[in-house]
Protein backbone atom coordinates (compact mmCIF):
# COMPACT_ATOMS: atom_id res chain seq x y z
CA MET A 1 29.88 220.94 222.38
CA SER A 2 29.75 220.43 219.44
CA GLU A 3 28.51 223.47 217.18
CA LYS A 4 25.05 223.70 216.91
CA PRO A 5 24.38 222.62 212.61
CA HIS A 6 22.77 225.58 210.82
CA PRO A 7 19.49 225.18 209.09
CA PHE A 8 20.25 225.27 206.30
CA GLU A 9 21.90 221.40 206.48
CA SER A 10 18.47 220.49 207.44
CA ARG A 11 16.08 222.04 205.97
CA LEU A 12 16.05 222.84 202.38
CA PHE A 13 14.39 225.85 202.82
CA TYR A 14 15.01 228.63 205.66
CA PRO A 15 14.25 232.27 205.51
CA ARG A 16 16.67 234.34 206.88
CA ASN A 17 19.41 236.33 206.28
CA ILE A 18 23.10 235.63 207.26
CA GLU A 19 22.14 237.46 210.53
CA GLY A 20 19.27 234.73 211.20
CA ARG A 21 16.98 237.02 211.65
CA PRO A 22 13.55 237.45 208.92
CA ASN A 23 14.55 238.00 205.19
CA THR A 24 11.30 240.94 205.92
CA LYS A 25 12.71 242.66 202.19
CA PRO A 26 13.79 240.28 200.51
CA LEU A 27 11.00 238.41 200.61
CA GLU A 28 8.48 241.46 200.66
CA ALA A 29 10.50 242.40 197.18
CA VAL A 30 9.64 238.71 195.56
CA ARG A 31 5.40 239.46 196.17
CA HIS A 32 6.41 243.47 194.16
CA ILE A 33 8.08 241.61 191.71
CA GLU A 34 4.87 239.16 191.43
CA GLU A 35 2.85 242.41 190.98
CA PHE A 36 4.99 244.33 188.70
CA LEU A 37 5.47 241.32 186.29
CA ARG A 38 0.95 239.75 186.80
CA THR A 39 0.45 243.66 185.49
CA ASN A 40 3.15 245.16 183.32
CA TYR A 41 4.47 240.90 181.76
CA PHE A 42 1.95 238.87 181.74
CA THR A 43 -1.24 238.59 179.73
CA ALA A 44 -3.95 235.71 179.52
CA ASN A 45 -1.76 233.87 176.40
CA LYS A 46 1.21 234.18 178.84
CA LYS A 47 0.11 232.90 182.36
CA LEU A 48 2.12 233.55 185.85
CA VAL A 49 1.31 230.58 187.97
CA GLY A 50 4.48 231.84 190.04
CA LEU A 51 7.61 233.00 191.57
CA ALA A 52 10.58 230.27 193.21
CA PRO A 53 13.17 232.32 194.97
CA TYR A 54 16.20 230.54 195.79
CA GLY A 55 19.63 230.54 196.25
CA SER A 56 21.04 232.60 199.19
CA THR A 57 17.86 234.64 200.14
CA MET A 58 15.82 230.74 200.83
CA LYS A 59 18.97 229.12 203.18
CA GLY A 60 19.79 231.26 205.41
CA TYR A 61 23.33 233.07 204.58
CA ASN A 62 22.85 236.37 202.65
CA PHE A 63 23.59 240.21 202.68
CA SER A 64 21.90 242.87 202.22
CA GLU A 65 23.57 243.29 198.85
CA SER A 66 23.31 239.62 197.74
CA ASP A 67 21.57 238.61 194.58
CA LEU A 68 18.19 238.07 194.88
CA ASP A 69 17.89 234.69 192.17
CA ILE A 70 13.93 233.60 191.42
CA ILE A 71 12.59 231.32 189.25
CA ILE A 72 9.38 232.61 187.27
CA LEU A 73 6.82 230.02 186.70
CA TYR A 74 4.52 230.16 184.19
CA ASP A 75 2.95 228.43 181.29
CA ALA A 76 2.88 230.02 177.64
CA PRO A 77 2.61 228.30 174.15
CA ARG A 78 6.46 227.10 173.77
CA ASP A 79 7.19 228.57 171.02
CA THR A 80 6.34 232.65 171.83
CA ILE A 81 8.43 233.33 174.50
CA ASP A 82 12.64 233.62 173.72
CA ALA A 83 12.57 233.22 177.43
CA ARG A 84 16.39 234.02 177.61
CA ARG A 85 16.06 237.36 175.67
CA GLU A 86 12.71 238.74 177.20
CA PHE A 87 14.11 237.66 181.40
CA THR A 88 17.07 238.89 180.88
CA THR A 89 15.30 242.52 180.71
CA LEU A 90 12.70 241.82 183.14
CA SER A 91 15.44 241.84 185.35
CA ARG A 92 16.67 245.17 184.64
CA GLU A 93 13.11 246.86 184.38
CA THR A 94 12.12 244.45 188.05
CA SER A 95 15.56 245.97 189.58
CA LEU A 96 14.96 249.37 188.71
CA GLU A 97 11.26 249.37 189.81
CA LEU A 98 13.24 247.59 193.88
CA GLN A 99 15.54 250.42 193.41
CA ARG A 100 12.68 252.62 192.71
CA ARG A 101 10.11 251.17 196.32
CA GLY A 102 13.55 251.27 198.18
CA LEU A 103 13.83 248.03 198.07
CA PRO A 104 16.75 244.85 197.93
CA ALA A 105 17.56 245.60 193.68
CA ASN A 106 19.75 242.80 192.95
CA VAL A 107 17.39 240.18 190.65
CA ALA A 108 18.10 237.91 188.48
CA LEU A 109 14.97 235.95 186.97
CA GLN A 110 15.22 232.59 185.50
CA ALA A 111 11.94 230.94 183.73
CA GLN A 112 10.55 227.85 183.11
CA ASN A 113 7.59 226.93 181.09
CA LEU A 114 5.31 224.11 182.33
CA ASN A 115 3.70 224.37 179.48
CA ARG A 116 1.48 221.48 179.33
CA ASP A 117 1.46 219.75 175.98
CA PHE A 118 3.03 217.15 176.42
CA THR A 119 3.30 214.42 173.84
CA PHE A 120 2.88 210.70 175.80
CA PRO A 121 4.89 208.72 176.24
CA LEU A 122 7.23 210.40 176.91
CA ASN A 123 11.14 210.18 175.73
CA PRO A 124 14.75 210.30 177.93
CA ASP A 125 16.12 211.76 173.69
CA SER A 126 13.40 214.11 173.45
CA GLU A 127 12.21 217.96 173.58
CA ASP A 128 9.56 216.87 176.38
CA TYR A 129 11.51 214.52 178.37
CA GLY A 130 13.70 217.43 179.20
CA TRP A 131 11.08 220.26 179.94
CA PHE A 132 8.99 217.29 181.80
CA VAL A 133 12.01 217.76 184.11
CA GLY A 134 12.94 221.34 185.01
CA ALA A 135 9.31 220.79 185.15
CA ILE A 136 9.03 218.74 188.28
CA ALA A 137 12.73 220.28 189.75
CA ASN A 138 11.42 223.67 189.54
CA MET A 139 7.62 222.80 190.50
CA SER A 140 10.52 221.23 193.93
CA ARG A 141 10.93 224.41 195.43
CA LEU A 142 8.91 226.66 197.48
CA VAL A 143 6.84 228.43 194.80
CA THR A 144 4.29 231.80 196.30
CA GLY A 145 0.06 231.69 195.20
CA SER A 146 -2.43 228.60 195.18
CA VAL A 147 -1.85 228.27 191.12
CA ILE A 148 0.75 225.84 191.57
CA ARG A 149 -1.04 223.58 192.85
CA SER A 150 -3.13 222.00 189.89
CA TYR A 151 0.11 222.48 188.22
CA ARG A 152 1.76 220.47 190.99
CA GLU A 153 -0.79 218.39 190.79
CA TRP A 154 -1.46 217.30 187.04
CA TYR A 155 1.97 216.62 186.53
CA LYS A 156 2.13 214.15 189.22
CA ASN A 157 -0.92 212.86 187.77
CA GLU A 158 0.84 212.19 184.14
CA PHE A 159 4.37 212.08 186.68
CA ARG A 160 2.38 208.11 188.55
CA LYS A 161 1.41 206.44 184.67
CA LEU A 162 4.73 206.97 183.44
CA PRO A 163 7.44 203.24 183.59
CA ALA A 164 8.93 202.56 187.64
CA THR A 165 11.96 202.62 185.96
CA LEU A 166 11.05 205.90 183.25
CA GLN A 167 9.71 207.54 186.79
CA ASN A 168 13.14 207.06 188.57
CA GLU A 169 15.54 208.92 185.02
CA ILE A 170 13.44 211.81 186.40
CA LEU A 171 13.76 212.06 189.21
CA GLU A 172 17.37 211.17 188.91
CA ASP A 173 17.19 213.84 186.59
CA ALA A 174 15.30 216.19 188.00
CA LEU A 175 18.01 216.51 191.56
CA LEU A 176 20.62 217.60 188.38
CA THR A 177 19.13 220.13 187.17
CA ILE A 178 18.67 221.17 190.98
CA LEU A 179 21.92 220.62 192.48
CA GLU A 180 23.21 223.47 189.42
CA SER A 181 22.04 225.54 191.56
CA GLU A 182 23.92 223.98 194.88
CA THR A 183 27.41 225.18 192.78
CA PRO A 184 30.80 224.54 195.27
CA GLU A 185 31.20 227.50 195.05
CA SER A 186 27.86 228.20 196.69
CA LEU A 187 28.97 225.99 199.72
CA ARG A 188 31.83 227.26 200.17
CA LYS A 189 30.10 230.71 200.66
CA PHE A 190 28.15 229.65 203.08
CA LEU A 191 30.72 228.04 204.97
CA GLU A 192 32.55 231.69 205.15
CA ARG A 193 30.03 232.96 206.28
CA GLN A 194 30.01 230.58 209.02
CA GLY A 195 32.53 231.48 210.27
CA THR A 196 35.30 228.36 207.98
CA ARG A 197 38.75 229.78 206.57
CA ASP A 198 39.63 227.88 203.73
CA PRO A 199 36.99 225.46 203.37
CA SER A 200 38.19 222.02 202.40
CA GLU A 201 36.47 220.14 199.87
CA GLU A 202 35.75 217.17 202.49
CA GLN A 203 33.65 219.54 204.34
CA ILE A 204 32.21 221.57 201.31
CA GLU A 205 31.38 217.92 199.81
CA THR A 206 29.42 216.70 203.34
CA LEU A 207 27.79 219.18 202.71
CA ALA A 208 26.74 218.74 199.55
CA ALA A 209 25.75 215.17 200.33
CA LYS A 210 23.42 216.58 202.92
CA ARG A 211 21.90 218.51 200.59
CA LYS A 212 21.50 216.35 198.80
CA VAL A 213 20.45 213.64 201.19
CA LEU A 214 16.94 216.72 201.57
CA TRP A 215 16.85 216.99 198.12
CA GLU A 216 16.22 212.85 197.01
CA ARG A 217 13.41 213.82 199.75
CA ARG A 218 11.92 215.99 198.82
CA LEU A 219 11.82 214.98 194.95
CA ARG A 220 9.31 211.71 196.28
CA ASN A 221 7.49 213.12 199.42
CA LEU A 222 5.82 215.20 196.38
CA TRP A 223 5.76 213.28 193.15
CA HIS A 224 6.12 209.37 194.42
CA PHE A 225 2.93 209.74 196.98
């Protein structure tokens, strides 16, 4: 009898740990982080849209000491935030806050600005194009709260106005952006944690191909239909 495949191979999101138990504490930590950021950092001019946890926490193979990887989705004028510096500082502050609460505290934050100040039509060589692709990619993840709905709807409406060739180019670039976090090393780690000793390149490539198909399907379902 063939071994039953792990849900990671057929589902994009599987928020359970390596033992198959619900990731209760990490997801509780996500809720506390959202509350902490909304209260202590974001303002009327810097709006928190939601959090998108990703990495091993959302793929069913994290340990208790695994990092909690999160993308902060926010809306602010593009010239008001030095995202790399500010969100690196926030990673430290949120880790300390979680430690005080007795929750998983190895937090790694990234950020995506969903500001809608674009110049249309989009030029693939423009900065606006990069912002738009990044927004499409990171809104395609699971995002906390309900605010994300209005942002997805706005981007979807603008996306559908674009020529079909540009739509396809945006989805291809968004896919590449997403797959940057599905590295061969992370796939190797998954296979090893599932009991595969010294995974071969072929095994890693096979798993990567399955994940790519799942993401392609989600992107098209979210933005084309």
